[in-house]
Amino acid sequence: APSTPPHHHVFGFNESQKPIPPPRKGAASMSDDQAKPICTNCSATSTPLWRRSTDDELLCNACGLYQKLHNAPRPKTLKPHNARKEAREDEVSQLVCSNCSTTTTPLWRRDDEGAPLCNACGLYLKLHHERRPLSMKTDIIKKRQRY
């Protein structure tokens, strides 16, 4: 009878979509009281992708990418992913068009100096190479008629 290969516990996938095996015995990457993986650098327990350090330690995606790019461990002072997302949402809600002062637009754009522009002012500037006149301002956002 043909022998079947032993079944391996698939722990995650690396960037080449090859399975990452569970950590070796003695590697401090899994807590003993839980079966949840833990990042050896930042102690994260949730990540879209688990990675390995050069020492075969388990790393979250953020720490693994930082390690790969900077060849150094990711500093503990960096904000976690969810904190960045909350900060971005706060930033979006307080954006004001530098031309017409509106705060509502389907898309924010930037002028040549990097100042925020609403979609209408940004498109007008791009097309006419001058600021959109304030007389054209409206608070109504119209939907396109598509047939």
N, C-alpha and C. Protein backbone atom coordinates (compact mmCIF):
# COMPACT_ATOMS: atom_id res chain seq x y z
N ALA A 1 0.84 -1.19 0.00
CA ALA A 1 0.00 0.00 0.00
C ALA A 1 0.88 1.24 0.00
N PRO A 2 0.55 2.25 -0.83
CA PRO A 2 1.37 3.47 -0.86
C PRO A 2 1.21 4.23 0.46
N SER A 3 2.32 4.79 0.91
CA SER A 3 2.26 5.54 2.17
C SER A 3 1.80 6.96 1.89
N THR A 4 0.99 7.50 2.78
CA THR A 4 0.52 8.87 2.62
C THR A 4 1.43 9.77 3.43
N PRO A 5 1.67 10.98 2.94
CA PRO A 5 2.55 11.89 3.68
C PRO A 5 1.89 12.29 5.00
N PRO A 6 2.69 12.54 6.02
CA PRO A 6 2.11 12.94 7.30
C PRO A 6 1.40 14.28 7.15
N HIS A 7 0.31 14.45 7.89
CA HIS A 7 -0.44 15.70 7.85
C HIS A 7 0.25 16.72 8.74
N HIS A 8 0.49 17.89 8.19
CA HIS A 8 1.12 18.97 8.94
C HIS A 8 0.06 19.99 9.31
N HIS A 9 0.17 20.54 10.50
CA HIS A 9 -0.73 21.61 10.91
C HIS A 9 -0.30 22.87 10.17
N VAL A 10 -1.18 23.41 9.34
CA VAL A 10 -0.86 24.63 8.61
C VAL A 10 -1.09 25.81 9.53
N PHE A 11 -0.06 26.59 9.76
CA PHE A 11 -0.12 27.68 10.71
C PHE A 11 -0.45 28.99 10.04
N GLY A 12 -0.10 29.17 8.80
CA GLY A 12 -0.32 30.40 8.05
C GLY A 12 0.36 30.26 6.72
N PHE A 13 0.41 31.34 5.97
CA PHE A 13 1.07 31.31 4.68
C PHE A 13 2.04 32.48 4.60
N ASN A 14 3.17 32.24 3.96
CA ASN A 14 4.11 33.35 3.75
C ASN A 14 3.81 33.99 2.40
N GLU A 15 4.64 34.98 1.99
CA GLU A 15 4.32 35.72 0.77
C GLU A 15 4.34 34.87 -0.49
N SER A 16 5.00 33.71 -0.48
CA SER A 16 5.00 32.85 -1.66
C SER A 16 3.90 31.79 -1.57
N GLN A 17 2.98 31.97 -0.60
CA GLN A 17 1.83 31.08 -0.39
C GLN A 17 2.25 29.66 -0.01
N LYS A 18 3.44 29.51 0.58
CA LYS A 18 3.84 28.23 1.12
C LYS A 18 3.45 28.20 2.59
N PRO A 19 2.97 27.07 3.10
CA PRO A 19 2.54 27.03 4.49
C PRO A 19 3.69 27.34 5.46
N ILE A 20 3.36 28.07 6.51
CA ILE A 20 4.33 28.31 7.58
C ILE A 20 4.04 27.28 8.67
N PRO A 21 4.99 26.45 9.00
CA PRO A 21 4.73 25.43 10.01
C PRO A 21 4.62 26.05 11.39
N PRO A 22 4.03 25.31 12.35
CA PRO A 22 3.97 25.84 13.71
C PRO A 22 5.38 26.04 14.24
N PRO A 23 5.54 26.89 15.26
CA PRO A 23 6.88 27.18 15.77
C PRO A 23 7.56 25.95 16.34
N ARG A 24 8.89 25.95 16.23
CA ARG A 24 9.67 24.85 16.79
C ARG A 24 9.59 24.86 18.30
N LYS A 25 9.82 23.72 18.89
CA LYS A 25 9.84 23.64 20.34
C LYS A 25 10.95 24.54 20.86
N GLY A 26 10.64 25.30 21.89
CA GLY A 26 11.64 26.20 22.46
C GLY A 26 11.55 27.61 21.90
N ALA A 27 10.89 27.80 20.76
CA ALA A 27 10.74 29.15 20.20
C ALA A 27 9.63 29.84 20.97
N ALA A 28 9.90 31.03 21.45
CA ALA A 28 8.93 31.74 22.29
C ALA A 28 7.95 32.52 21.42
N SER A 29 7.06 31.81 20.74
CA SER A 29 6.11 32.51 19.88
C SER A 29 4.67 32.10 20.16
N MET A 30 4.45 31.07 20.91
CA MET A 30 3.10 30.66 21.27
C MET A 30 3.03 30.65 22.79
N SER A 31 1.92 31.14 23.35
CA SER A 31 1.79 31.07 24.79
C SER A 31 1.40 29.64 25.16
N ASP A 32 1.82 29.19 26.31
CA ASP A 32 1.56 27.81 26.73
C ASP A 32 0.10 27.58 27.09
N ASP A 33 -0.57 28.64 27.61
CA ASP A 33 -1.95 28.45 28.05
C ASP A 33 -2.96 28.67 26.94
N GLN A 34 -2.55 29.13 25.77
CA GLN A 34 -3.46 29.36 24.66
C GLN A 34 -2.91 28.71 23.39
N ALA A 35 -3.80 28.47 22.45
CA ALA A 35 -3.37 27.95 21.16
C ALA A 35 -3.25 29.09 20.16
N LYS A 36 -3.50 30.35 20.58
CA LYS A 36 -3.43 31.50 19.69
C LYS A 36 -1.99 31.90 19.45
N PRO A 37 -1.62 32.19 18.21
CA PRO A 37 -0.26 32.68 17.94
C PRO A 37 -0.07 34.08 18.51
N ILE A 38 1.14 34.39 18.93
CA ILE A 38 1.48 35.70 19.49
C ILE A 38 2.76 36.18 18.84
N CYS A 39 2.76 37.43 18.39
CA CYS A 39 3.95 38.03 17.80
C CYS A 39 5.03 38.16 18.88
N THR A 40 6.23 37.70 18.58
CA THR A 40 7.31 37.75 19.56
C THR A 40 7.85 39.17 19.74
N ASN A 41 7.50 40.08 18.84
CA ASN A 41 7.99 41.45 18.96
C ASN A 41 6.99 42.37 19.66
N CYS A 42 5.73 42.38 19.21
CA CYS A 42 4.75 43.33 19.75
C CYS A 42 3.62 42.68 20.53
N SER A 43 3.61 41.36 20.61
CA SER A 43 2.59 40.58 21.33
C SER A 43 1.21 40.62 20.68
N ALA A 44 1.13 40.98 19.42
CA ALA A 44 -0.16 40.98 18.71
C ALA A 44 -0.66 39.55 18.56
N THR A 45 -1.98 39.38 18.63
CA THR A 45 -2.56 38.04 18.46
C THR A 45 -3.41 37.96 17.20
N SER A 46 -3.55 39.09 16.48
CA SER A 46 -4.36 39.11 15.27
C SER A 46 -3.59 39.84 14.17
N THR A 47 -3.52 39.23 13.01
CA THR A 47 -2.84 39.82 11.87
C THR A 47 -3.34 39.15 10.60
N PRO A 48 -3.34 39.85 9.46
CA PRO A 48 -3.78 39.20 8.22
C PRO A 48 -2.81 38.13 7.73
N LEU A 49 -1.54 38.21 8.18
CA LEU A 49 -0.53 37.25 7.73
C LEU A 49 0.53 37.08 8.80
N TRP A 50 0.83 35.86 9.16
CA TRP A 50 1.91 35.58 10.12
C TRP A 50 3.20 35.38 9.35
N ARG A 51 4.29 35.92 9.85
CA ARG A 51 5.59 35.82 9.21
C ARG A 51 6.60 35.24 10.18
N ARG A 52 7.80 34.92 9.68
CA ARG A 52 8.88 34.39 10.52
C ARG A 52 10.07 35.32 10.45
N SER A 53 10.75 35.48 11.58
CA SER A 53 11.99 36.25 11.60
C SER A 53 13.12 35.36 11.10
N THR A 54 14.30 35.93 10.94
CA THR A 54 15.45 35.13 10.50
C THR A 54 15.83 34.09 11.55
N ASP A 55 15.41 34.33 12.82
CA ASP A 55 15.66 33.37 13.90
C ASP A 55 14.50 32.40 14.07
N ASP A 56 13.59 32.35 13.09
CA ASP A 56 12.43 31.47 13.09
C ASP A 56 11.41 31.81 14.18
N GLU A 57 11.41 33.07 14.63
CA GLU A 57 10.40 33.49 15.59
C GLU A 57 9.17 33.98 14.84
N LEU A 58 8.01 33.80 15.45
CA LEU A 58 6.75 34.18 14.83
C LEU A 58 6.55 35.69 14.95
N LEU A 59 6.21 36.34 13.82
CA LEU A 59 5.99 37.79 13.80
C LEU A 59 4.66 38.09 13.13
N CYS A 60 3.99 39.15 13.59
CA CYS A 60 2.80 39.62 12.89
C CYS A 60 3.23 40.24 11.56
N ASN A 61 2.28 40.52 10.70
CA ASN A 61 2.60 41.07 9.38
C ASN A 61 3.38 42.38 9.49
N ALA A 62 2.93 43.29 10.37
CA ALA A 62 3.59 44.61 10.50
C ALA A 62 5.04 44.44 10.95
N CYS A 63 5.28 43.64 11.98
CA CYS A 63 6.64 43.45 12.48
C CYS A 63 7.51 42.71 11.47
N GLY A 64 6.92 41.75 10.75
CA GLY A 64 7.67 41.01 9.73
C GLY A 64 8.08 41.89 8.58
N LEU A 65 7.18 42.76 8.11
CA LEU A 65 7.51 43.67 7.02
C LEU A 65 8.54 44.71 7.46
N TYR A 66 8.39 45.22 8.69
CA TYR A 66 9.35 46.20 9.19
C TYR A 66 10.74 45.57 9.28
N GLN A 67 10.79 44.34 9.81
CA GLN A 67 12.06 43.61 9.94
C GLN A 67 12.71 43.41 8.58
N LYS A 68 11.88 43.04 7.60
CA LYS A 68 12.39 42.77 6.25
C LYS A 68 12.93 44.06 5.59
N LEU A 69 12.23 45.18 5.81
CA LEU A 69 12.60 46.44 5.18
C LEU A 69 13.78 47.11 5.86
N HIS A 70 13.79 47.12 7.22
CA HIS A 70 14.80 47.87 7.96
C HIS A 70 15.89 47.00 8.58
N ASN A 71 15.73 45.69 8.46
CA ASN A 71 16.68 44.75 9.05
C ASN A 71 16.89 45.03 10.55
N ALA A 72 15.79 45.41 11.20
CA ALA A 72 15.80 45.70 12.64
C ALA A 72 14.40 45.43 13.17
N PRO A 73 14.26 45.12 14.45
CA PRO A 73 12.91 44.88 14.99
C PRO A 73 12.06 46.15 14.95
N ARG A 74 10.78 45.96 14.73
CA ARG A 74 9.84 47.09 14.70
C ARG A 74 9.76 47.71 16.09
N PRO A 75 9.93 49.03 16.20
CA PRO A 75 9.88 49.68 17.52
C PRO A 75 8.51 49.52 18.18
N LYS A 76 8.50 49.36 19.48
CA LYS A 76 7.25 49.19 20.23
C LYS A 76 6.45 50.50 20.27
N THR A 77 7.10 51.63 19.97
CA THR A 77 6.43 52.92 20.03
C THR A 77 5.54 53.20 18.84
N LEU A 78 5.64 52.40 17.77
CA LEU A 78 4.78 52.61 16.60
C LEU A 78 3.34 52.30 16.97
N LYS A 79 2.40 53.07 16.40
CA LYS A 79 1.00 52.87 16.69
C LYS A 79 0.53 51.55 16.09
N PRO A 80 -0.39 50.85 16.77
CA PRO A 80 -0.97 49.64 16.16
C PRO A 80 -1.87 50.03 14.99
N HIS A 81 -2.21 49.04 14.16
CA HIS A 81 -2.97 49.30 12.93
C HIS A 81 -4.29 50.00 13.22
N ASN A 82 -5.05 49.54 14.23
CA ASN A 82 -6.38 50.10 14.48
C ASN A 82 -6.29 51.56 14.94
N ALA A 83 -5.22 51.95 15.63
CA ALA A 83 -5.05 53.34 16.05
C ALA A 83 -4.83 54.23 14.82
N ARG A 84 -4.09 53.74 13.84
CA ARG A 84 -3.86 54.51 12.62
C ARG A 84 -5.17 54.70 11.88
N LYS A 85 -6.01 53.66 11.84
CA LYS A 85 -7.29 53.73 11.14
C LYS A 85 -8.20 54.76 11.80
N GLU A 86 -8.25 54.77 13.14
CA GLU A 86 -9.07 55.75 13.86
C GLU A 86 -8.56 57.15 13.61
N ALA A 87 -7.25 57.35 13.60
CA ALA A 87 -6.68 58.67 13.35
C ALA A 87 -7.02 59.14 11.94
N ARG A 88 -6.99 58.23 10.97
CA ARG A 88 -7.32 58.57 9.59
C ARG A 88 -8.79 59.00 9.48
N GLU A 89 -9.70 58.30 10.18
CA GLU A 89 -11.12 58.66 10.13
C GLU A 89 -11.34 60.04 10.74
N ASP A 90 -10.64 60.36 11.83
CA ASP A 90 -10.76 61.68 12.45
C ASP A 90 -10.25 62.76 11.48
N GLU A 91 -9.14 62.45 10.79
CA GLU A 91 -8.54 63.40 9.86
C GLU A 91 -9.50 63.70 8.71
N VAL A 92 -10.17 62.66 8.19
CA VAL A 92 -11.09 62.83 7.07
C VAL A 92 -12.27 63.69 7.49
N SER A 93 -12.78 63.51 8.70
CA SER A 93 -13.96 64.26 9.13
C SER A 93 -13.66 65.74 9.34
N GLN A 94 -12.40 66.13 9.55
CA GLN A 94 -12.09 67.54 9.78
C GLN A 94 -11.46 68.21 8.56
N LEU A 95 -11.40 67.54 7.41
CA LEU A 95 -10.86 68.16 6.20
C LEU A 95 -11.79 69.27 5.72
N VAL A 96 -11.19 70.36 5.26
CA VAL A 96 -11.93 71.52 4.74
C VAL A 96 -11.27 71.91 3.43
N CYS A 97 -12.08 72.13 2.42
CA CYS A 97 -11.55 72.55 1.12
C CYS A 97 -10.87 73.91 1.28
N SER A 98 -9.64 74.01 0.79
CA SER A 98 -8.88 75.25 0.92
C SER A 98 -9.39 76.35 -0.03
N ASN A 99 -10.28 75.98 -0.94
CA ASN A 99 -10.81 76.96 -1.88
C ASN A 99 -12.21 77.42 -1.47
N CYS A 100 -13.15 76.47 -1.28
CA CYS A 100 -14.55 76.85 -1.03
C CYS A 100 -15.00 76.58 0.40
N SER A 101 -14.14 75.99 1.22
CA SER A 101 -14.41 75.71 2.63
C SER A 101 -15.48 74.65 2.89
N THR A 102 -15.82 73.85 1.90
CA THR A 102 -16.78 72.77 2.13
C THR A 102 -16.13 71.65 2.93
N THR A 103 -16.95 70.88 3.63
CA THR A 103 -16.43 69.74 4.38
C THR A 103 -17.00 68.42 3.86
N THR A 104 -17.89 68.49 2.85
CA THR A 104 -18.46 67.28 2.28
C THR A 104 -18.14 67.17 0.80
N THR A 105 -17.59 66.03 0.44
CA THR A 105 -17.25 65.75 -0.96
C THR A 105 -17.07 64.26 -1.12
N PRO A 106 -17.38 63.70 -2.29
CA PRO A 106 -17.17 62.26 -2.48
C PRO A 106 -15.69 61.88 -2.57
N LEU A 107 -14.82 62.87 -2.89
CA LEU A 107 -13.40 62.57 -3.02
C LEU A 107 -12.58 63.81 -2.69
N TRP A 108 -11.58 63.65 -1.84
CA TRP A 108 -10.68 64.75 -1.51
C TRP A 108 -9.51 64.73 -2.46
N ARG A 109 -9.10 65.89 -2.91
CA ARG A 109 -7.96 66.06 -3.79
C ARG A 109 -6.99 67.03 -3.16
N ARG A 110 -5.82 67.26 -3.79
CA ARG A 110 -4.84 68.22 -3.27
C ARG A 110 -4.39 69.15 -4.39
N ASP A 111 -4.08 70.41 -4.03
CA ASP A 111 -3.54 71.33 -5.03
C ASP A 111 -2.03 71.14 -5.12
N ASP A 112 -1.36 71.97 -5.89
CA ASP A 112 0.08 71.81 -6.12
C ASP A 112 0.90 71.97 -4.83
N GLU A 113 0.37 72.74 -3.88
CA GLU A 113 1.07 72.93 -2.60
C GLU A 113 0.70 71.87 -1.57
N GLY A 114 -0.25 70.99 -1.91
CA GLY A 114 -0.65 69.93 -1.00
C GLY A 114 -1.84 70.27 -0.13
N ALA A 115 -2.45 71.43 -0.32
CA ALA A 115 -3.63 71.81 0.46
C ALA A 115 -4.84 71.00 -0.01
N PRO A 116 -5.74 70.61 0.90
CA PRO A 116 -6.90 69.80 0.51
C PRO A 116 -7.90 70.59 -0.33
N LEU A 117 -8.44 69.93 -1.34
CA LEU A 117 -9.48 70.50 -2.19
C LEU A 117 -10.63 69.51 -2.29
N CYS A 118 -11.86 70.01 -2.34
CA CYS A 118 -12.98 69.11 -2.59
C CYS A 118 -12.88 68.62 -4.04
N ASN A 119 -13.67 67.64 -4.38
CA ASN A 119 -13.61 67.06 -5.72
C ASN A 119 -13.87 68.12 -6.80
N ALA A 120 -14.90 68.94 -6.59
CA ALA A 120 -15.27 69.94 -7.59
C ALA A 120 -14.13 70.95 -7.81
N CYS A 121 -13.57 71.47 -6.73
CA CYS A 121 -12.49 72.46 -6.86
C CYS A 121 -11.23 71.82 -7.44
N GLY A 122 -10.96 70.58 -7.07
CA GLY A 122 -9.80 69.88 -7.60
C GLY A 122 -9.89 69.62 -9.08
N LEU A 123 -11.08 69.20 -9.54
CA LEU A 123 -11.28 68.96 -10.97
C LEU A 123 -11.25 70.27 -11.76
N TYR A 124 -11.84 71.31 -11.20
CA TYR A 124 -11.84 72.62 -11.87
C TYR A 124 -10.41 73.12 -12.04
N LEU A 125 -9.62 73.00 -10.98
CA LEU A 125 -8.21 73.43 -11.04
C LEU A 125 -7.43 72.63 -12.08
N LYS A 126 -7.69 71.34 -12.11
CA LYS A 126 -6.98 70.47 -13.06
C LYS A 126 -7.33 70.82 -14.52
N LEU A 127 -8.60 71.17 -14.74
CA LEU A 127 -9.05 71.45 -16.09
C LEU A 127 -8.73 72.88 -16.54
N HIS A 128 -8.91 73.87 -15.65
CA HIS A 128 -8.78 75.28 -16.03
C HIS A 128 -7.49 75.94 -15.55
N HIS A 129 -6.71 75.24 -14.74
CA HIS A 129 -5.45 75.78 -14.20
C HIS A 129 -5.66 77.07 -13.41
N GLU A 130 -6.82 77.19 -12.79
CA GLU A 130 -7.11 78.33 -11.90
C GLU A 130 -8.13 77.87 -10.86
N ARG A 131 -8.22 78.62 -9.79
CA ARG A 131 -9.14 78.29 -8.70
C ARG A 131 -10.59 78.38 -9.15
N ARG A 132 -11.42 77.51 -8.65
CA ARG A 132 -12.85 77.50 -8.95
C ARG A 132 -13.52 78.71 -8.29
N PRO A 133 -14.32 79.50 -9.04
CA PRO A 133 -14.98 80.67 -8.45
C PRO A 133 -15.97 80.25 -7.36
N LEU A 134 -16.02 81.02 -6.27
CA LEU A 134 -16.92 80.70 -5.17
C LEU A 134 -18.39 80.80 -5.58
N SER A 135 -18.67 81.55 -6.64
CA SER A 135 -20.06 81.66 -7.13
C SER A 135 -20.58 80.32 -7.66
N MET A 136 -19.68 79.40 -7.98
CA MET A 136 -20.08 78.08 -8.48
C MET A 136 -20.35 77.09 -7.35
N LYS A 137 -20.07 77.48 -6.12
CA LYS A 137 -20.23 76.56 -4.99
C LYS A 137 -21.69 76.18 -4.76
N THR A 138 -21.92 74.90 -4.48
CA THR A 138 -23.24 74.40 -4.12
C THR A 138 -23.05 73.33 -3.06
N ASP A 139 -24.02 73.17 -2.19
CA ASP A 139 -23.95 72.14 -1.15
C ASP A 139 -24.61 70.85 -1.60
N ILE A 140 -25.14 70.84 -2.80
CA ILE A 140 -25.82 69.65 -3.32
C ILE A 140 -24.83 68.83 -4.14
N ILE A 141 -24.68 67.57 -3.79
CA ILE A 141 -23.83 66.66 -4.56
C ILE A 141 -24.75 65.88 -5.50
N LYS A 142 -24.58 66.08 -6.79
CA LYS A 142 -25.45 65.45 -7.78
C LYS A 142 -24.88 64.10 -8.21
N LYS A 143 -25.77 63.13 -8.37
CA LYS A 143 -25.36 61.84 -8.92
C LYS A 143 -25.39 61.90 -10.43
N ARG A 144 -24.50 61.17 -11.07
CA ARG A 144 -24.49 61.13 -12.53
C ARG A 144 -25.69 60.35 -13.06
N GLN A 145 -26.20 60.78 -14.21
CA GLN A 145 -27.25 60.04 -14.89
C GLN A 145 -26.61 59.02 -15.83
N ARG A 146 -26.72 57.75 -15.51
CA ARG A 146 -26.13 56.71 -16.37
C ARG A 146 -27.22 55.88 -16.97
N TYR A 147 -27.10 55.61 -18.29
CA TYR A 147 -28.12 54.83 -18.99
C TYR A 147 -27.59 53.51 -19.42
